[in-house]
């Protein structure tokens, strides 16, 4: 699909499809996980055909998430490496919240808050994977003691709580910063949005575009 005139490309169709597939699986995992976590939420198993099917599908959806998130990790890891300007941005968080952009360093493709959220999600998913293997009774739990399984179940719940909270923060931030949702649904942003929120990245995009347009 051709990019609309007067816009800046932010996400490719492949990246957007990868993101939304990952989001759908995460929601299903959260719902089935909460249903299995507490009796008060057991009614959520009805979304998956009952308790037995929720228990069967939950770990397999976790396997699917492993593959979909691996795609996101490969796409965006290099953009989330911490640098000096990220520390400066984080030290001026009051200016961020007060929208005093003139006091902030120029931001690359992602700001420090987005990078922290990215690595928290990576850590939580790694924790869920490792603990999930331990408590997956049909395949692996026979290889671990009951004490290890109980500890893994506790850590699994903690990682899930932190992950769900992080995703809520991610959604809120995307809605709060007008234009972010459009970037992940349409793939483009306006030059004004790019200049305001990710100025260093916008400069890189302009430089790359100018380099391609120059004759050899």
N, C-alpha and C. Protein backbone atom coordinates (compact mmCIF):
# COMPACT_ATOMS: atom_id res chain seq x y z
N UNK A 1 0.84 -1.20 0.00
CA UNK A 1 0.00 0.00 0.00
C UNK A 1 0.88 1.25 0.00
N UNK A 2 0.53 2.20 -0.86
CA UNK A 2 1.32 3.41 -0.97
C UNK A 2 1.10 4.31 0.24
N UNK A 3 2.19 4.88 0.76
CA UNK A 3 2.11 5.77 1.90
C UNK A 3 1.46 7.08 1.49
N UNK A 4 0.46 7.56 2.27
CA UNK A 4 -0.19 8.83 1.93
C UNK A 4 0.81 9.98 1.91
N UNK A 5 0.60 10.91 1.00
CA UNK A 5 1.50 12.05 0.89
C UNK A 5 1.45 12.88 2.17
N UNK A 6 2.61 13.42 2.54
CA UNK A 6 2.67 14.26 3.72
C UNK A 6 2.72 13.51 5.03
N UNK A 7 3.02 12.22 4.97
CA UNK A 7 3.13 11.42 6.19
C UNK A 7 4.51 10.77 6.26
N UNK A 8 4.83 10.25 7.43
CA UNK A 8 6.10 9.58 7.67
C UNK A 8 5.82 8.13 8.03
N UNK A 9 6.53 7.21 7.40
CA UNK A 9 6.33 5.79 7.69
C UNK A 9 6.88 5.45 9.07
N UNK A 10 6.05 4.83 9.90
CA UNK A 10 6.43 4.47 11.27
C UNK A 10 6.56 2.96 11.45
N UNK A 11 5.56 2.22 10.93
CA UNK A 11 5.57 0.76 11.06
C UNK A 11 5.18 0.12 9.73
N UNK A 12 5.87 -0.94 9.38
CA UNK A 12 5.57 -1.68 8.16
C UNK A 12 4.32 -2.54 8.37
N UNK A 13 3.68 -2.98 7.28
CA UNK A 13 2.52 -3.87 7.43
C UNK A 13 2.86 -5.14 8.22
N UNK A 14 4.06 -5.69 8.00
CA UNK A 14 4.47 -6.88 8.73
C UNK A 14 4.59 -6.64 10.22
N UNK A 15 5.15 -5.50 10.58
CA UNK A 15 5.31 -5.16 12.00
C UNK A 15 3.95 -4.96 12.67
N UNK A 16 3.03 -4.33 11.95
CA UNK A 16 1.69 -4.09 12.51
C UNK A 16 0.94 -5.41 12.68
N UNK A 17 1.01 -6.27 11.69
CA UNK A 17 0.34 -7.57 11.79
C UNK A 17 0.93 -8.39 12.94
N UNK A 18 2.23 -8.35 13.07
CA UNK A 18 2.91 -9.05 14.15
C UNK A 18 2.45 -8.52 15.52
N UNK A 19 2.37 -7.19 15.63
CA UNK A 19 1.95 -6.55 16.88
C UNK A 19 0.53 -6.95 17.27
N UNK A 20 -0.42 -6.88 16.32
CA UNK A 20 -1.81 -7.15 16.66
C UNK A 20 -2.07 -8.63 16.90
N UNK A 21 -1.36 -9.50 16.21
CA UNK A 21 -1.48 -10.93 16.49
C UNK A 21 -0.97 -11.22 17.89
N UNK A 22 0.15 -10.59 18.24
CA UNK A 22 0.71 -10.75 19.57
C UNK A 22 -0.27 -10.22 20.63
N UNK A 23 -0.92 -9.10 20.35
CA UNK A 23 -1.87 -8.51 21.29
C UNK A 23 -3.06 -9.43 21.52
N UNK A 24 -3.58 -10.03 20.45
CA UNK A 24 -4.74 -10.92 20.57
C UNK A 24 -4.39 -12.14 21.43
N UNK A 25 -3.23 -12.73 21.18
CA UNK A 25 -2.81 -13.90 21.95
C UNK A 25 -2.60 -13.52 23.42
N UNK A 26 -2.01 -12.35 23.67
CA UNK A 26 -1.81 -11.89 25.04
C UNK A 26 -3.12 -11.74 25.79
N UNK A 27 -4.13 -11.18 25.13
CA UNK A 27 -5.44 -11.01 25.76
C UNK A 27 -6.05 -12.36 26.10
N UNK A 28 -5.98 -13.31 25.17
CA UNK A 28 -6.51 -14.65 25.42
C UNK A 28 -5.77 -15.34 26.55
N UNK A 29 -4.46 -15.17 26.59
CA UNK A 29 -3.67 -15.75 27.67
C UNK A 29 -4.04 -15.14 29.02
N UNK A 30 -4.21 -13.82 29.04
CA UNK A 30 -4.56 -13.15 30.29
C UNK A 30 -5.91 -13.64 30.79
N UNK A 31 -6.89 -13.74 29.90
CA UNK A 31 -8.22 -14.17 30.30
C UNK A 31 -8.22 -15.61 30.81
N UNK A 32 -7.57 -16.49 30.06
CA UNK A 32 -7.53 -17.90 30.49
C UNK A 32 -6.70 -18.07 31.75
N UNK A 33 -5.62 -17.29 31.87
CA UNK A 33 -4.78 -17.38 33.07
C UNK A 33 -5.52 -16.91 34.30
N UNK A 34 -6.26 -15.80 34.20
CA UNK A 34 -7.03 -15.30 35.34
C UNK A 34 -8.14 -16.28 35.72
N UNK A 35 -8.73 -16.93 34.70
CA UNK A 35 -9.78 -17.91 34.96
C UNK A 35 -9.25 -19.09 35.77
N UNK A 36 -8.02 -19.49 35.50
CA UNK A 36 -7.42 -20.62 36.21
C UNK A 36 -6.79 -20.20 37.53
N UNK A 37 -6.59 -18.89 37.71
CA UNK A 37 -5.89 -18.40 38.91
C UNK A 37 -6.78 -18.39 40.14
N UNK A 38 -8.05 -17.98 39.98
CA UNK A 38 -8.92 -17.81 41.14
C UNK A 38 -10.35 -18.28 40.82
N UNK A 39 -10.99 -18.96 41.76
CA UNK A 39 -12.35 -19.46 41.51
C UNK A 39 -13.35 -18.37 41.14
N UNK A 40 -13.15 -17.15 41.67
CA UNK A 40 -14.07 -16.06 41.37
C UNK A 40 -14.05 -15.68 39.90
N UNK A 41 -12.97 -16.03 39.20
CA UNK A 41 -12.83 -15.70 37.79
C UNK A 41 -13.01 -16.91 36.88
N UNK A 42 -13.43 -18.03 37.49
CA UNK A 42 -13.54 -19.27 36.72
C UNK A 42 -14.56 -19.15 35.59
N UNK A 43 -15.52 -18.24 35.72
CA UNK A 43 -16.54 -18.08 34.67
C UNK A 43 -15.92 -17.71 33.33
N UNK A 44 -14.70 -17.14 33.35
CA UNK A 44 -14.02 -16.77 32.11
C UNK A 44 -13.64 -17.99 31.27
N UNK A 45 -13.62 -19.17 31.90
CA UNK A 45 -13.30 -20.38 31.13
C UNK A 45 -14.37 -20.65 30.07
N UNK A 46 -15.57 -20.07 30.26
CA UNK A 46 -16.62 -20.25 29.27
C UNK A 46 -16.24 -19.71 27.91
N UNK A 47 -15.29 -18.76 27.87
CA UNK A 47 -14.82 -18.21 26.61
C UNK A 47 -14.00 -19.22 25.82
N UNK A 48 -13.54 -20.26 26.50
CA UNK A 48 -12.66 -21.24 25.87
C UNK A 48 -13.28 -22.64 25.82
N UNK A 49 -14.56 -22.74 26.15
CA UNK A 49 -15.23 -24.03 26.09
C UNK A 49 -15.26 -24.78 27.39
N UNK A 50 -14.95 -24.10 28.49
CA UNK A 50 -14.98 -24.75 29.79
C UNK A 50 -13.60 -24.86 30.42
N UNK A 51 -13.58 -25.31 31.69
CA UNK A 51 -12.33 -25.37 32.45
C UNK A 51 -11.28 -26.28 31.85
N UNK A 52 -11.71 -27.44 31.35
CA UNK A 52 -10.76 -28.40 30.78
C UNK A 52 -10.05 -27.80 29.56
N UNK A 53 -10.84 -27.20 28.68
CA UNK A 53 -10.25 -26.63 27.47
C UNK A 53 -9.39 -25.40 27.79
N UNK A 54 -9.81 -24.62 28.76
CA UNK A 54 -8.99 -23.46 29.16
C UNK A 54 -7.63 -23.93 29.66
N UNK A 55 -7.63 -25.01 30.43
CA UNK A 55 -6.38 -25.55 30.97
C UNK A 55 -5.50 -26.12 29.85
N UNK A 56 -6.14 -26.74 28.86
CA UNK A 56 -5.38 -27.32 27.74
C UNK A 56 -4.81 -26.22 26.84
N UNK A 57 -5.66 -25.23 26.53
CA UNK A 57 -5.28 -24.21 25.55
C UNK A 57 -4.29 -23.19 26.11
N UNK A 58 -4.37 -22.89 27.40
CA UNK A 58 -3.54 -21.83 27.97
C UNK A 58 -2.04 -22.02 27.69
N UNK A 59 -1.45 -23.18 28.00
CA UNK A 59 -0.01 -23.32 27.71
C UNK A 59 0.32 -23.32 26.23
N UNK A 60 -0.58 -23.84 25.40
CA UNK A 60 -0.30 -23.84 23.97
C UNK A 60 -0.38 -22.44 23.39
N UNK A 61 -1.26 -21.61 23.93
CA UNK A 61 -1.28 -20.21 23.53
C UNK A 61 0.01 -19.52 23.97
N UNK A 62 0.56 -19.96 25.10
CA UNK A 62 1.85 -19.44 25.55
C UNK A 62 2.96 -19.77 24.56
N UNK A 63 2.90 -20.97 23.99
CA UNK A 63 3.88 -21.35 22.96
C UNK A 63 3.71 -20.47 21.72
N UNK A 64 2.45 -20.22 21.34
CA UNK A 64 2.19 -19.35 20.19
C UNK A 64 2.72 -17.94 20.45
N UNK A 65 2.53 -17.46 21.69
CA UNK A 65 3.02 -16.13 22.04
C UNK A 65 4.54 -16.06 21.95
N UNK A 66 5.20 -17.15 22.32
CA UNK A 66 6.66 -17.19 22.24
C UNK A 66 7.13 -16.90 20.82
N UNK A 67 6.47 -17.48 19.84
CA UNK A 67 6.88 -17.28 18.45
C UNK A 67 6.50 -15.89 17.93
N UNK A 68 5.30 -15.41 18.27
CA UNK A 68 4.89 -14.10 17.78
C UNK A 68 5.73 -12.99 18.42
N UNK A 69 6.03 -13.14 19.71
CA UNK A 69 6.82 -12.09 20.36
C UNK A 69 8.28 -12.15 19.91
N UNK A 70 8.74 -13.32 19.53
CA UNK A 70 10.11 -13.43 19.01
C UNK A 70 10.26 -12.54 17.78
N UNK A 71 9.19 -12.46 16.98
CA UNK A 71 9.21 -11.59 15.81
C UNK A 71 9.31 -10.13 16.21
N UNK A 72 8.52 -9.72 17.22
CA UNK A 72 8.58 -8.34 17.70
C UNK A 72 9.94 -8.03 18.31
N UNK A 73 10.47 -8.98 19.06
CA UNK A 73 11.78 -8.77 19.69
C UNK A 73 12.85 -8.54 18.63
N UNK A 74 12.83 -9.36 17.59
CA UNK A 74 13.83 -9.22 16.53
C UNK A 74 13.68 -7.90 15.79
N UNK A 75 12.44 -7.45 15.60
CA UNK A 75 12.19 -6.20 14.86
C UNK A 75 12.64 -4.97 15.64
N UNK A 76 12.39 -4.96 16.96
CA UNK A 76 12.52 -3.72 17.72
C UNK A 76 13.62 -3.70 18.77
N UNK A 77 14.32 -4.79 18.93
CA UNK A 77 15.35 -4.84 19.98
C UNK A 77 16.39 -3.74 19.80
N UNK A 78 16.89 -3.55 18.58
CA UNK A 78 17.97 -2.59 18.36
C UNK A 78 17.53 -1.15 18.62
N UNK A 79 16.22 -0.91 18.56
CA UNK A 79 15.72 0.45 18.81
C UNK A 79 15.52 0.72 20.31
N UNK A 80 15.64 -0.32 21.12
CA UNK A 80 15.39 -0.18 22.56
C UNK A 80 16.65 -0.31 23.40
N UNK A 81 17.80 -0.18 22.77
CA UNK A 81 19.06 -0.16 23.52
C UNK A 81 19.16 1.17 24.26
N UNK A 82 19.50 1.08 25.54
CA UNK A 82 19.57 2.27 26.39
C UNK A 82 20.77 3.13 26.03
N UNK A 83 20.61 4.44 26.06
CA UNK A 83 21.74 5.35 25.81
C UNK A 83 21.68 6.53 26.77
N UNK A 84 22.64 7.43 26.65
CA UNK A 84 22.78 8.55 27.58
C UNK A 84 21.57 9.47 27.57
N UNK A 85 21.02 9.73 26.40
CA UNK A 85 19.87 10.63 26.32
C UNK A 85 18.64 10.05 27.01
N UNK A 86 18.56 8.72 27.08
CA UNK A 86 17.44 8.09 27.79
C UNK A 86 17.51 8.38 29.29
N UNK A 87 18.72 8.35 29.83
CA UNK A 87 18.89 8.69 31.25
C UNK A 87 18.52 10.14 31.51
N UNK A 88 18.91 11.03 30.60
CA UNK A 88 18.56 12.44 30.73
C UNK A 88 17.04 12.62 30.66
N UNK A 89 16.39 11.93 29.74
CA UNK A 89 14.93 12.01 29.59
C UNK A 89 14.24 11.55 30.86
N UNK A 90 14.74 10.43 31.42
CA UNK A 90 14.11 9.88 32.63
C UNK A 90 14.32 10.80 33.83
N UNK A 91 15.48 11.46 33.90
CA UNK A 91 15.74 12.38 35.01
C UNK A 91 14.85 13.61 34.95
N UNK A 92 14.25 13.85 33.79
CA UNK A 92 13.37 15.01 33.61
C UNK A 92 11.92 14.58 33.44
N UNK A 93 11.54 13.55 34.18
CA UNK A 93 10.21 12.98 34.03
C UNK A 93 9.12 14.00 34.39
N UNK A 94 9.42 14.93 35.29
CA UNK A 94 8.43 15.96 35.62
C UNK A 94 8.14 16.85 34.41
N UNK A 95 9.18 17.14 33.65
CA UNK A 95 8.97 17.92 32.42
C UNK A 95 8.18 17.12 31.40
N UNK A 96 8.40 15.80 31.37
CA UNK A 96 7.65 14.94 30.45
C UNK A 96 6.16 15.00 30.78
N UNK A 97 5.83 14.83 32.05
CA UNK A 97 4.44 14.82 32.48
C UNK A 97 3.78 16.18 32.32
N UNK A 98 4.58 17.25 32.42
CA UNK A 98 4.05 18.60 32.28
C UNK A 98 4.09 19.09 30.84
N UNK A 99 4.53 18.21 29.92
CA UNK A 99 4.61 18.54 28.49
C UNK A 99 5.53 19.73 28.22
N UNK A 100 6.61 19.86 29.02
CA UNK A 100 7.60 20.91 28.77
C UNK A 100 8.68 20.33 27.86
N UNK A 101 8.33 20.15 26.60
CA UNK A 101 9.21 19.47 25.65
C UNK A 101 10.53 20.21 25.42
N UNK A 102 10.52 21.53 25.63
CA UNK A 102 11.74 22.31 25.41
C UNK A 102 12.85 21.95 26.39
N UNK A 103 12.50 21.29 27.50
CA UNK A 103 13.49 20.91 28.50
C UNK A 103 14.00 19.49 28.33
N UNK A 104 13.51 18.81 27.30
CA UNK A 104 13.83 17.40 27.12
C UNK A 104 14.85 17.19 26.00
N UNK A 105 15.68 16.15 26.13
CA UNK A 105 16.59 15.82 25.03
C UNK A 105 15.80 15.26 23.85
N UNK A 106 16.36 15.35 22.65
CA UNK A 106 15.68 14.80 21.49
C UNK A 106 15.57 13.29 21.61
N UNK A 107 14.40 12.78 21.25
CA UNK A 107 14.10 11.36 21.41
C UNK A 107 14.26 10.63 20.08
N UNK A 108 14.82 9.43 20.15
CA UNK A 108 14.96 8.60 18.95
C UNK A 108 13.65 7.89 18.64
N UNK A 109 13.73 6.70 18.09
CA UNK A 109 12.50 5.98 17.71
C UNK A 109 11.62 5.72 18.92
N UNK A 110 12.24 5.45 20.09
CA UNK A 110 11.47 5.24 21.32
C UNK A 110 12.09 6.03 22.45
N UNK A 111 11.24 6.53 23.36
CA UNK A 111 11.76 7.26 24.52
C UNK A 111 12.10 6.29 25.64
N UNK A 112 12.64 6.82 26.73
CA UNK A 112 13.11 5.98 27.84
C UNK A 112 11.97 5.18 28.46
N UNK A 113 10.79 5.80 28.57
CA UNK A 113 9.65 5.10 29.14
C UNK A 113 9.24 3.90 28.29
N UNK A 114 9.23 4.08 26.99
CA UNK A 114 8.89 2.98 26.09
C UNK A 114 9.93 1.88 26.15
N UNK A 115 11.18 2.27 26.28
CA UNK A 115 12.25 1.27 26.36
C UNK A 115 12.16 0.46 27.66
N UNK A 116 11.90 1.15 28.77
CA UNK A 116 11.74 0.44 30.04
C UNK A 116 10.58 -0.54 29.96
N UNK A 117 9.47 -0.10 29.38
CA UNK A 117 8.31 -0.97 29.25
C UNK A 117 8.64 -2.18 28.38
N UNK A 118 9.38 -1.95 27.31
CA UNK A 118 9.78 -3.04 26.41
C UNK A 118 10.56 -4.11 27.17
N UNK A 119 11.55 -3.69 27.96
CA UNK A 119 12.40 -4.66 28.66
C UNK A 119 11.68 -5.31 29.83
N UNK A 120 10.73 -4.60 30.45
CA UNK A 120 9.91 -5.23 31.48
C UNK A 120 9.06 -6.35 30.87
N UNK A 121 8.49 -6.07 29.70
CA UNK A 121 7.69 -7.10 29.03
C UNK A 121 8.55 -8.29 28.63
N UNK A 122 9.75 -8.02 28.13
CA UNK A 122 10.67 -9.11 27.77
C UNK A 122 10.99 -9.96 29.00
N UNK A 123 11.31 -9.31 30.13
CA UNK A 123 11.65 -10.03 31.36
C UNK A 123 10.47 -10.85 31.86
N UNK A 124 9.27 -10.26 31.82
CA UNK A 124 8.08 -10.98 32.28
C UNK A 124 7.78 -12.19 31.42
N UNK A 125 7.89 -12.02 30.11
CA UNK A 125 7.63 -13.15 29.21
C UNK A 125 8.65 -14.26 29.39
N UNK A 126 9.91 -13.89 29.64
CA UNK A 126 10.93 -14.90 29.91
C UNK A 126 10.60 -15.65 31.20
N UNK A 127 10.17 -14.89 32.23
CA UNK A 127 9.79 -15.52 33.49
C UNK A 127 8.59 -16.42 33.33
N UNK A 128 7.60 -15.99 32.55
CA UNK A 128 6.41 -16.81 32.31
C UNK A 128 6.75 -18.07 31.55
N UNK A 129 7.67 -17.96 30.61
CA UNK A 129 8.08 -19.14 29.84
C UNK A 129 8.75 -20.18 30.74
N UNK A 130 9.72 -19.73 31.53
CA UNK A 130 10.47 -20.66 32.37
C UNK A 130 9.60 -21.30 33.44
N UNK A 131 8.78 -20.47 34.11
CA UNK A 131 7.91 -21.02 35.15
C UNK A 131 6.78 -21.83 34.54
N UNK A 132 6.33 -21.42 33.36
CA UNK A 132 5.26 -22.16 32.70
C UNK A 132 5.67 -23.58 32.34
N UNK A 133 6.92 -23.74 31.95
CA UNK A 133 7.43 -25.09 31.64
C UNK A 133 7.37 -25.97 32.89
N UNK A 134 7.75 -25.40 34.02
CA UNK A 134 7.78 -26.16 35.28
C UNK A 134 6.38 -26.62 35.67
N UNK A 135 5.37 -25.76 35.51
CA UNK A 135 4.02 -26.10 35.99
C UNK A 135 3.14 -26.71 34.90
N UNK A 136 3.68 -26.95 33.72
CA UNK A 136 2.90 -27.59 32.65
C UNK A 136 2.84 -29.09 32.95
N UNK A 137 1.80 -29.46 33.67
CA UNK A 137 1.73 -30.80 34.27
C UNK A 137 1.73 -31.91 33.22
N UNK A 138 1.10 -31.65 32.09
CA UNK A 138 0.99 -32.71 31.09
C UNK A 138 2.33 -33.14 30.52
N UNK A 139 3.33 -32.27 30.59
CA UNK A 139 4.60 -32.56 29.94
C UNK A 139 5.82 -32.52 30.86
N UNK A 140 5.87 -31.56 31.75
CA UNK A 140 7.14 -31.33 32.45
C UNK A 140 7.10 -31.41 33.97
N UNK A 141 5.94 -31.28 34.59
CA UNK A 141 5.91 -31.16 36.05
C UNK A 141 6.42 -32.42 36.76
N UNK A 142 6.37 -33.56 36.11
CA UNK A 142 6.86 -34.79 36.73
C UNK A 142 8.37 -34.75 36.97
N UNK A 143 9.05 -33.83 36.31
CA UNK A 143 10.50 -33.74 36.45
C UNK A 143 10.91 -32.81 37.59
N UNK A 144 9.94 -32.20 38.27
CA UNK A 144 10.26 -31.23 39.32
C UNK A 144 9.56 -31.62 40.62
N UNK A 145 10.17 -31.22 41.72
CA UNK A 145 9.58 -31.50 43.03
C UNK A 145 8.38 -30.59 43.26
N UNK A 146 7.53 -30.97 44.22
CA UNK A 146 6.35 -30.17 44.51
C UNK A 146 6.73 -28.78 45.00
N UNK A 147 7.85 -28.68 45.72
CA UNK A 147 8.31 -27.37 46.21
C UNK A 147 8.69 -26.45 45.05
N UNK A 148 9.35 -27.01 44.06
CA UNK A 148 9.75 -26.22 42.89
C UNK A 148 8.51 -25.81 42.10
N UNK A 149 7.56 -26.70 41.97
CA UNK A 149 6.33 -26.40 41.24
C UNK A 149 5.55 -25.29 41.93
N UNK A 150 5.47 -25.35 43.26
CA UNK A 150 4.75 -24.31 44.00
C UNK A 150 5.44 -22.95 43.84
N UNK A 151 6.75 -22.94 43.91
CA UNK A 151 7.50 -21.68 43.73
C UNK A 151 7.30 -21.16 42.31
N UNK A 152 7.35 -22.06 41.34
CA UNK A 152 7.16 -21.65 39.95
C UNK A 152 5.77 -21.07 39.73
N UNK A 153 4.76 -21.68 40.36
CA UNK A 153 3.39 -21.19 40.22
C UNK A 153 3.26 -19.77 40.80
N UNK A 154 3.91 -19.53 41.94
CA UNK A 154 3.89 -18.19 42.54
C UNK A 154 4.58 -17.17 41.64
N UNK A 155 5.76 -17.52 41.15
CA UNK A 155 6.50 -16.61 40.27
C UNK A 155 5.75 -16.37 38.95
N UNK A 156 5.07 -17.41 38.48
CA UNK A 156 4.28 -17.30 37.25
C UNK A 156 3.18 -16.25 37.44
N UNK A 157 2.52 -16.31 38.59
CA UNK A 157 1.44 -15.36 38.87
C UNK A 157 1.99 -13.94 39.00
N UNK A 158 3.15 -13.79 39.64
CA UNK A 158 3.75 -12.46 39.81
C UNK A 158 4.12 -11.87 38.44
N UNK A 159 4.77 -12.68 37.61
CA UNK A 159 5.15 -12.22 36.27
C UNK A 159 3.92 -11.84 35.45
N UNK A 160 2.86 -12.64 35.59
CA UNK A 160 1.62 -12.36 34.85
C UNK A 160 1.01 -11.04 35.32
N UNK A 161 1.02 -10.80 36.62
CA UNK A 161 0.47 -9.55 37.16
C UNK A 161 1.24 -8.35 36.63
N UNK A 162 2.58 -8.43 36.68
CA UNK A 162 3.41 -7.32 36.20
C UNK A 162 3.21 -7.11 34.70
N UNK A 163 3.09 -8.21 33.96
CA UNK A 163 2.90 -8.11 32.50
C UNK A 163 1.56 -7.46 32.17
N UNK A 164 0.49 -7.89 32.82
CA UNK A 164 -0.84 -7.33 32.55
C UNK A 164 -0.86 -5.85 32.91
N UNK A 165 -0.23 -5.50 34.03
CA UNK A 165 -0.14 -4.09 34.43
C UNK A 165 0.63 -3.29 33.39
N UNK A 166 1.72 -3.85 32.90
CA UNK A 166 2.54 -3.18 31.90
C UNK A 166 1.78 -2.96 30.60
N UNK A 167 0.99 -3.95 30.21
CA UNK A 167 0.20 -3.83 28.99
C UNK A 167 -0.87 -2.74 29.14
N UNK A 168 -1.47 -2.66 30.33
CA UNK A 168 -2.45 -1.59 30.59
C UNK A 168 -1.79 -0.23 30.47
N UNK A 169 -0.57 -0.10 31.03
CA UNK A 169 0.19 1.15 30.91
C UNK A 169 0.48 1.45 29.44
N UNK A 170 0.84 0.42 28.70
CA UNK A 170 1.14 0.56 27.27
C UNK A 170 -0.08 1.08 26.51
N UNK A 171 -1.24 0.51 26.79
CA UNK A 171 -2.47 0.93 26.11
C UNK A 171 -2.81 2.37 26.49
N UNK A 172 -2.72 2.68 27.78
CA UNK A 172 -3.04 4.03 28.23
C UNK A 172 -2.11 5.06 27.58
N UNK A 173 -0.83 4.73 27.52
CA UNK A 173 0.14 5.66 26.93
C UNK A 173 -0.14 5.88 25.45
N UNK A 174 -0.53 4.80 24.76
CA UNK A 174 -0.83 4.92 23.33
C UNK A 174 -2.03 5.82 23.09
N UNK A 175 -3.02 5.73 23.99
CA UNK A 175 -4.20 6.59 23.86
C UNK A 175 -3.87 8.02 24.27
N UNK A 176 -3.04 8.16 25.32
CA UNK A 176 -2.67 9.48 25.84
C UNK A 176 -1.91 10.30 24.80
N UNK A 177 -0.96 9.66 24.12
CA UNK A 177 -0.19 10.35 23.08
C UNK A 177 -0.95 10.21 21.76
N UNK A 178 -1.72 11.22 21.45
CA UNK A 178 -2.57 11.19 20.26
C UNK A 178 -1.73 10.95 19.00
N UNK A 179 -2.15 10.01 18.20
CA UNK A 179 -1.44 9.66 16.97
C UNK A 179 -0.72 8.34 17.06
N UNK A 180 -0.50 7.84 18.30
CA UNK A 180 0.23 6.58 18.46
C UNK A 180 -0.58 5.39 17.96
N UNK A 181 -1.88 5.38 18.27
CA UNK A 181 -2.72 4.27 17.82
C UNK A 181 -2.81 4.27 16.30
N UNK A 182 -2.93 5.46 15.72
CA UNK A 182 -2.97 5.57 14.25
C UNK A 182 -1.70 4.99 13.63
N UNK A 183 -0.57 5.21 14.29
CA UNK A 183 0.71 4.70 13.77
C UNK A 183 0.70 3.18 13.69
N UNK A 184 0.07 2.52 14.69
CA UNK A 184 0.08 1.07 14.71
C UNK A 184 -1.09 0.47 13.93
N UNK A 185 -2.06 1.29 13.52
CA UNK A 185 -3.16 0.78 12.69
C UNK A 185 -2.95 1.11 11.21
N UNK A 186 -2.42 2.30 10.94
CA UNK A 186 -2.22 2.74 9.56
C UNK A 186 -0.75 2.69 9.13
N UNK A 187 0.16 2.71 10.11
CA UNK A 187 1.58 2.61 9.79
C UNK A 187 2.29 3.92 9.58
N UNK A 188 1.55 5.04 9.62
CA UNK A 188 2.16 6.34 9.34
C UNK A 188 1.84 7.35 10.44
N UNK A 189 2.66 8.40 10.51
CA UNK A 189 2.43 9.52 11.41
C UNK A 189 2.64 10.80 10.62
N UNK A 190 2.19 11.90 11.17
CA UNK A 190 2.41 13.19 10.52
C UNK A 190 3.82 13.69 10.85
N UNK A 191 4.40 14.52 10.01
CA UNK A 191 5.71 15.10 10.33
C UNK A 191 5.69 15.86 11.66
N UNK A 192 4.57 16.54 11.96
CA UNK A 192 4.47 17.26 13.22
C UNK A 192 4.53 16.35 14.42
N UNK A 193 3.86 15.20 14.32
CA UNK A 193 3.89 14.21 15.41
C UNK A 193 5.31 13.68 15.60
N UNK A 194 5.95 13.34 14.50
CA UNK A 194 7.32 12.82 14.57
C UNK A 194 8.28 13.85 15.17
N UNK A 195 8.13 15.12 14.77
CA UNK A 195 9.01 16.17 15.27
C UNK A 195 8.78 16.42 16.76
N UNK A 196 7.54 16.36 17.20
CA UNK A 196 7.22 16.63 18.60
C UNK A 196 7.66 15.52 19.53
N UNK A 197 7.42 14.27 19.13
CA UNK A 197 7.62 13.15 20.06
C UNK A 197 8.92 12.37 19.85
N UNK A 198 9.44 12.36 18.61
CA UNK A 198 10.62 11.54 18.33
C UNK A 198 11.52 12.29 17.34
N UNK A 199 12.00 13.44 17.79
CA UNK A 199 12.69 14.36 16.90
C UNK A 199 13.97 13.77 16.32
N UNK A 200 14.77 13.09 17.15
CA UNK A 200 16.02 12.50 16.66
C UNK A 200 15.74 11.44 15.60
N UNK A 201 14.71 10.65 15.81
CA UNK A 201 14.31 9.64 14.82
C UNK A 201 13.85 10.31 13.53
N UNK A 202 13.09 11.39 13.64
CA UNK A 202 12.61 12.11 12.47
C UNK A 202 13.77 12.67 11.66
N UNK A 203 14.78 13.20 12.36
CA UNK A 203 15.97 13.70 11.66
C UNK A 203 16.64 12.57 10.88
N UNK A 204 16.72 11.39 11.49
CA UNK A 204 17.33 10.24 10.82
C UNK A 204 16.53 9.86 9.58
N UNK A 205 15.21 9.90 9.69
CA UNK A 205 14.36 9.55 8.55
C UNK A 205 14.56 10.54 7.41
N UNK A 206 14.63 11.83 7.74
CA UNK A 206 14.83 12.85 6.71
C UNK A 206 16.19 12.67 6.05
N UNK A 207 17.21 12.41 6.86
CA UNK A 207 18.56 12.23 6.32
C UNK A 207 18.60 11.01 5.39
N UNK A 208 17.93 9.92 5.82
CA UNK A 208 17.92 8.70 4.99
C UNK A 208 17.19 8.97 3.68
N UNK A 209 16.07 9.72 3.74
CA UNK A 209 15.30 10.02 2.53
C UNK A 209 16.10 10.91 1.58
N UNK A 210 16.81 11.88 2.13
CA UNK A 210 17.61 12.76 1.31
C UNK A 210 18.78 12.03 0.66
N UNK A 211 19.34 11.09 1.40
CA UNK A 211 20.47 10.30 0.87
C UNK A 211 20.03 9.44 -0.30
N UNK A 212 18.80 8.89 -0.20
CA UNK A 212 18.29 8.05 -1.29
C UNK A 212 17.96 8.87 -2.53
N UNK A 213 17.57 10.13 -2.32
CA UNK A 213 17.16 10.96 -3.44
C UNK A 213 18.33 11.63 -4.18
N UNK A 214 19.50 11.58 -3.57
CA UNK A 214 20.66 12.22 -4.22
C UNK A 214 21.16 11.35 -5.37
N UNK A 215 21.54 11.96 -6.49
CA UNK A 215 22.09 11.20 -7.60
C UNK A 215 23.50 10.71 -7.25
N UNK A 216 23.88 9.56 -7.79
CA UNK A 216 25.22 9.03 -7.54
C UNK A 216 26.28 9.84 -8.29
